[in-house]
Structure formats: structure tokens, C-alpha cells
């Protein structure tokens, strides 16, 4: 069975910079502070559908 992938989008510019494999046990959406190459700084990235 293939694992689902989810995208992480920057909260400031909205670009989808990162992808992760989904953890089926997690209930809430993931929020991680990562570097955005378009904003050129570290911002909060949120999980998108």
C-alpha cells in the first residue's frame, strides 16, 4: 500500500515548499517552522490537503 503525501505551505507567501509522508495516527494539522526560499526567511509552514 502506498503512503499518502502531504504538502507544507508557507503561511506568508502560500508557496508549497515541502512534502512529507502522512502519519495516519495524527489528528490535527502539522505546523513546522522551516525556511522558505521565496520569502528568504524562516516561517511557519502548515499542512495542506
PDB file of N, CA and C in Angstrom:
ATOM      1  N   UNK A   1       0.845  -1.180   0.000  1.00  0.00           N
ATOM      2  CA  UNK A   1       0.000   0.000   0.000  1.00  0.00           C
ATOM      3  C   UNK A   1       0.890   1.243   0.000  1.00  0.00           C
ATOM      4  N   UNK A   2       0.614   2.181  -0.869  1.00  0.00           N
ATOM      5  CA  UNK A   2       1.407   3.400  -0.971  1.00  0.00           C
ATOM      6  C   UNK A   2       0.997   4.390   0.113  1.00  0.00           C
ATOM      7  N   UNK A   3       1.984   5.106   0.629  1.00  0.00           N
ATOM      8  CA  UNK A   3       1.699   6.106   1.651  1.00  0.00           C
ATOM      9  C   UNK A   3       1.282   7.408   0.985  1.00  0.00           C
ATOM     10  N   UNK A   4       0.373   8.136   1.642  1.00  0.00           N
ATOM     11  CA  UNK A   4      -0.080   9.418   1.114  1.00  0.00           C
ATOM     12  C   UNK A   4       0.953  10.487   1.425  1.00  0.00           C
ATOM     13  N   UNK A   5       1.076  11.437   0.518  1.00  0.00           N
ATOM     14  CA  UNK A   5       1.976  12.563   0.738  1.00  0.00           C
ATOM     15  C   UNK A   5       1.156  13.804   1.027  1.00  0.00           C
ATOM     16  N   UNK A   6       1.666  14.640   1.934  1.00  0.00           N
ATOM     17  CA  UNK A   6       1.026  15.919   2.234  1.00  0.00           C
ATOM     18  C   UNK A   6       2.032  17.024   1.959  1.00  0.00           C
ATOM     19  N   UNK A   7       1.536  18.180   1.575  1.00  0.00           N
ATOM     20  CA  UNK A   7       2.394  19.319   1.276  1.00  0.00           C
ATOM     21  C   UNK A   7       2.381  20.288   2.445  1.00  0.00           C
ATOM     22  N   UNK A   8       3.512  20.970   2.644  1.00  0.00           N
ATOM     23  CA  UNK A   8       3.599  22.028   3.649  1.00  0.00           C
ATOM     24  C   UNK A   8       3.690  23.360   2.919  1.00  0.00           C
ATOM     25  N   UNK A   9       2.760  24.272   3.223  1.00  0.00           N
ATOM     26  CA  UNK A   9       2.707  25.567   2.550  1.00  0.00           C
ATOM     27  C   UNK A   9       3.147  26.655   3.514  1.00  0.00           C
ATOM     28  N   UNK A  10       3.862  27.645   2.991  1.00  0.00           N
ATOM     29  CA  UNK A  10       4.320  28.788   3.777  1.00  0.00           C
ATOM     30  C   UNK A  10       3.112  29.620   4.197  1.00  0.00           C
ATOM     31  N   UNK A  11       3.098  30.064   5.449  1.00  0.00           N
ATOM     32  CA  UNK A  11       1.964  30.846   5.944  1.00  0.00           C
ATOM     33  C   UNK A  11       1.990  32.282   5.434  1.00  0.00           C
ATOM     34  N   UNK A  12       3.135  32.761   4.949  1.00  0.00           N
ATOM     35  CA  UNK A  12       3.227  34.143   4.478  1.00  0.00           C
ATOM     36  C   UNK A  12       2.976  34.260   2.980  1.00  0.00           C
ATOM     37  N   UNK A  13       3.672  33.478   2.167  1.00  0.00           N
ATOM     38  CA  UNK A  13       3.513  33.615   0.708  1.00  0.00           C
ATOM     39  C   UNK A  13       2.626  32.540   0.110  1.00  0.00           C
ATOM     40  N   UNK A  14       2.376  31.438   0.832  1.00  0.00           N
ATOM     41  CA  UNK A  14       1.480  30.397   0.349  1.00  0.00           C
ATOM     42  C   UNK A  14       2.111  29.372  -0.571  1.00  0.00           C
ATOM     43  N   UNK A  15       3.407  29.465  -0.831  1.00  0.00           N
ATOM     44  CA  UNK A  15       4.048  28.504  -1.732  1.00  0.00           C
ATOM     45  C   UNK A  15       4.243  27.173  -1.009  1.00  0.00           C
ATOM     46  N   UNK A  16       4.059  26.093  -1.759  1.00  0.00           N
ATOM     47  CA  UNK A  16       4.207  24.744  -1.194  1.00  0.00           C
ATOM     48  C   UNK A  16       5.635  24.283  -1.418  1.00  0.00           C
ATOM     49  N   UNK A  17       6.441  24.329  -0.360  1.00  0.00           N
ATOM     50  CA  UNK A  17       7.873  24.087  -0.469  1.00  0.00           C
ATOM     51  C   UNK A  17       8.304  22.683  -0.062  1.00  0.00           C
ATOM     52  N   UNK A  18       7.554  22.019   0.809  1.00  0.00           N
ATOM     53  CA  UNK A  18       7.986  20.740   1.363  1.00  0.00           C
ATOM     54  C   UNK A  18       6.880  19.707   1.235  1.00  0.00           C
ATOM     55  N   UNK A  19       7.268  18.435   1.102  1.00  0.00           N
ATOM     56  CA  UNK A  19       6.318  17.326   1.126  1.00  0.00           C
ATOM     57  C   UNK A  19       6.770  16.309   2.157  1.00  0.00           C
ATOM     58  N   UNK A  20       5.813  15.684   2.826  1.00  0.00           N
ATOM     59  CA  UNK A  20       6.068  14.659   3.832  1.00  0.00           C
ATOM     60  C   UNK A  20       5.118  13.502   3.605  1.00  0.00           C
ATOM     61  N   UNK A  21       5.475  12.326   4.106  1.00  0.00           N
ATOM     62  CA  UNK A  21       4.535  11.212   4.081  1.00  0.00           C
ATOM     63  C   UNK A  21       3.629  11.340   5.294  1.00  0.00           C
ATOM     64  N   UNK A  22       2.356  11.025   5.089  1.00  0.00           N
ATOM     65  CA  UNK A  22       1.347  11.236   6.110  1.00  0.00           C
ATOM     66  C   UNK A  22       1.426  10.180   7.203  1.00  0.00           C
ATOM     67  N   UNK A  23       1.245  10.616   8.449  1.00  0.00           N
ATOM     68  CA  UNK A  23       1.134   9.725   9.590  1.00  0.00           C
ATOM     69  C   UNK A  23      -0.355   9.560   9.889  1.00  0.00           C
ATOM     70  N   UNK A  24      -0.935   8.369   9.706  1.00  0.00           N
ATOM     71  CA  UNK A  24      -2.387   8.203   9.881  1.00  0.00           C
ATOM     72  C   UNK A  24      -2.854   8.351  11.327  1.00  0.00           C
ATOM     73  N   UNK A  25      -1.958   8.291  12.305  1.00  0.00           N
ATOM     74  CA  UNK A  25      -2.347   8.399  13.714  1.00  0.00           C
ATOM     75  C   UNK A  25      -2.519   9.842  14.177  1.00  0.00           C
ATOM     76  N   UNK A  26      -2.037  10.796  13.391  1.00  0.00           N
ATOM     77  CA  UNK A  26      -2.097  12.205  13.779  1.00  0.00           C
ATOM     78  C   UNK A  26      -3.480  12.763  13.451  1.00  0.00           C
ATOM     79  N   UNK A  27      -4.068  13.552  14.367  1.00  0.00           N
ATOM     80  CA  UNK A  27      -5.412  14.089  14.184  1.00  0.00           C
ATOM     81  C   UNK A  27      -5.415  15.542  13.717  1.00  0.00           C
ATOM     82  N   UNK A  28      -4.538  16.388  14.275  1.00  0.00           N
ATOM     83  CA  UNK A  28      -4.524  17.808  13.921  1.00  0.00           C
ATOM     84  C   UNK A  28      -3.522  18.057  12.795  1.00  0.00           C
ATOM     85  N   UNK A  29      -3.622  19.237  12.201  1.00  0.00           N
ATOM     86  CA  UNK A  29      -2.723  19.588  11.104  1.00  0.00           C
ATOM     87  C   UNK A  29      -1.343  19.952  11.628  1.00  0.00           C
ATOM     88  N   UNK A  30      -0.345  19.601  10.849  1.00  0.00           N
ATOM     89  CA  UNK A  30       1.045  19.805  11.231  1.00  0.00           C
ATOM     90  C   UNK A  30       1.464  21.249  10.973  1.00  0.00           C
ATOM     91  N   UNK A  31       2.193  21.857  11.929  1.00  0.00           N
ATOM     92  CA  UNK A  31       2.770  23.191  11.771  1.00  0.00           C
ATOM     93  C   UNK A  31       4.235  23.119  12.167  1.00  0.00           C
ATOM     94  N   UNK A  32       5.123  23.478  11.232  1.00  0.00           N
ATOM     95  CA  UNK A  32       6.562  23.391  11.453  1.00  0.00           C
ATOM     96  C   UNK A  32       7.203  24.687  10.986  1.00  0.00           C
ATOM     97  N   UNK A  33       8.220  25.148  11.716  1.00  0.00           N
ATOM     98  CA  UNK A  33       8.957  26.323  11.288  1.00  0.00           C
ATOM     99  C   UNK A  33      10.095  25.876  10.384  1.00  0.00           C
ATOM    100  N   UNK A  34      10.022  26.280   9.104  1.00  0.00           N
ATOM    101  CA  UNK A  34      11.013  25.880   8.111  1.00  0.00           C
ATOM    102  C   UNK A  34      11.420  27.086   7.274  1.00  0.00           C
ATOM    103  N   UNK A  35      12.501  26.922   6.501  1.00  0.00           N
ATOM    104  CA  UNK A  35      13.000  28.002   5.658  1.00  0.00           C
ATOM    105  C   UNK A  35      12.217  28.048   4.354  1.00  0.00           C
ATOM    106  N   UNK A  36      11.757  29.247   3.980  1.00  0.00           N
ATOM    107  CA  UNK A  36      11.066  29.461   2.706  1.00  0.00           C
ATOM    108  C   UNK A  36      12.031  30.179   1.769  1.00  0.00           C
ATOM    109  N   UNK A  37      12.316  29.556   0.626  1.00  0.00           N
ATOM    110  CA  UNK A  37      13.279  30.154  -0.299  1.00  0.00           C
ATOM    111  C   UNK A  37      12.702  31.351  -1.038  1.00  0.00           C
ATOM    112  N   UNK A  38      11.369  31.492  -1.060  1.00  0.00           N
ATOM    113  CA  UNK A  38      10.748  32.631  -1.732  1.00  0.00           C
ATOM    114  C   UNK A  38      10.685  33.856  -0.815  1.00  0.00           C
ATOM    115  N   UNK A  39      10.419  33.628   0.486  1.00  0.00           N
ATOM    116  CA  UNK A  39      10.422  34.723   1.466  1.00  0.00           C
ATOM    117  C   UNK A  39      11.839  35.029   1.947  1.00  0.00           C
ATOM    118  N   UNK A  40      12.743  34.061   1.779  1.00  0.00           N
ATOM    119  CA  UNK A  40      14.145  34.162   2.198  1.00  0.00           C
ATOM    120  C   UNK A  40      14.283  34.301   3.715  1.00  0.00           C
ATOM    121  N   UNK A  41      13.409  33.598   4.464  1.00  0.00           N
ATOM    122  CA  UNK A  41      13.490  33.585   5.927  1.00  0.00           C
ATOM    123  C   UNK A  41      12.739  32.366   6.466  1.00  0.00           C
ATOM    124  N   UNK A  42      12.886  32.106   7.748  1.00  0.00           N
ATOM    125  CA  UNK A  42      12.188  31.006   8.401  1.00  0.00           C
ATOM    126  C   UNK A  42      10.765  31.445   8.732  1.00  0.00           C
ATOM    127  N   UNK A  43       9.783  30.650   8.300  1.00  0.00           N
ATOM    128  CA  UNK A  43       8.376  30.946   8.552  1.00  0.00           C
ATOM    129  C   UNK A  43       7.661  29.668   8.970  1.00  0.00           C
ATOM    130  N   UNK A  44       6.441  29.832   9.462  1.00  0.00           N
ATOM    131  CA  UNK A  44       5.608  28.680   9.812  1.00  0.00           C
ATOM    132  C   UNK A  44       5.064  28.069   8.525  1.00  0.00           C
ATOM    133  N   UNK A  45       5.219  26.761   8.385  1.00  0.00           N
ATOM    134  CA  UNK A  45       4.658  26.018   7.254  1.00  0.00           C
ATOM    135  C   UNK A  45       3.565  25.105   7.794  1.00  0.00           C
ATOM    136  N   UNK A  46       2.378  25.159   7.162  1.00  0.00           N
ATOM    137  CA  UNK A  46       1.245  24.380   7.602  1.00  0.00           C
ATOM    138  C   UNK A  46       0.903  23.308   6.576  1.00  0.00           C
ATOM    139  N   UNK A  47       0.368  22.204   7.080  1.00  0.00           N
ATOM    140  CA  UNK A  47      -0.047  21.093   6.220  1.00  0.00           C
ATOM    141  C   UNK A  47      -1.253  21.503   5.383  1.00  0.00           C
ATOM    142  N   UNK A  48      -1.222  21.155   4.095  1.00  0.00           N
ATOM    143  CA  UNK A  48      -2.352  21.416   3.214  1.00  0.00           C
ATOM    144  C   UNK A  48      -2.935  20.109   2.733  1.00  0.00           C
ATOM    145  N   UNK A  49      -4.089  20.174   2.132  1.00  0.00           N
ATOM    146  CA  UNK A  49      -4.752  18.965   1.623  1.00  0.00           C
ATOM    147  C   UNK A  49      -4.168  18.571   0.297  1.00  0.00           C
TER     148      UNK A  49
END
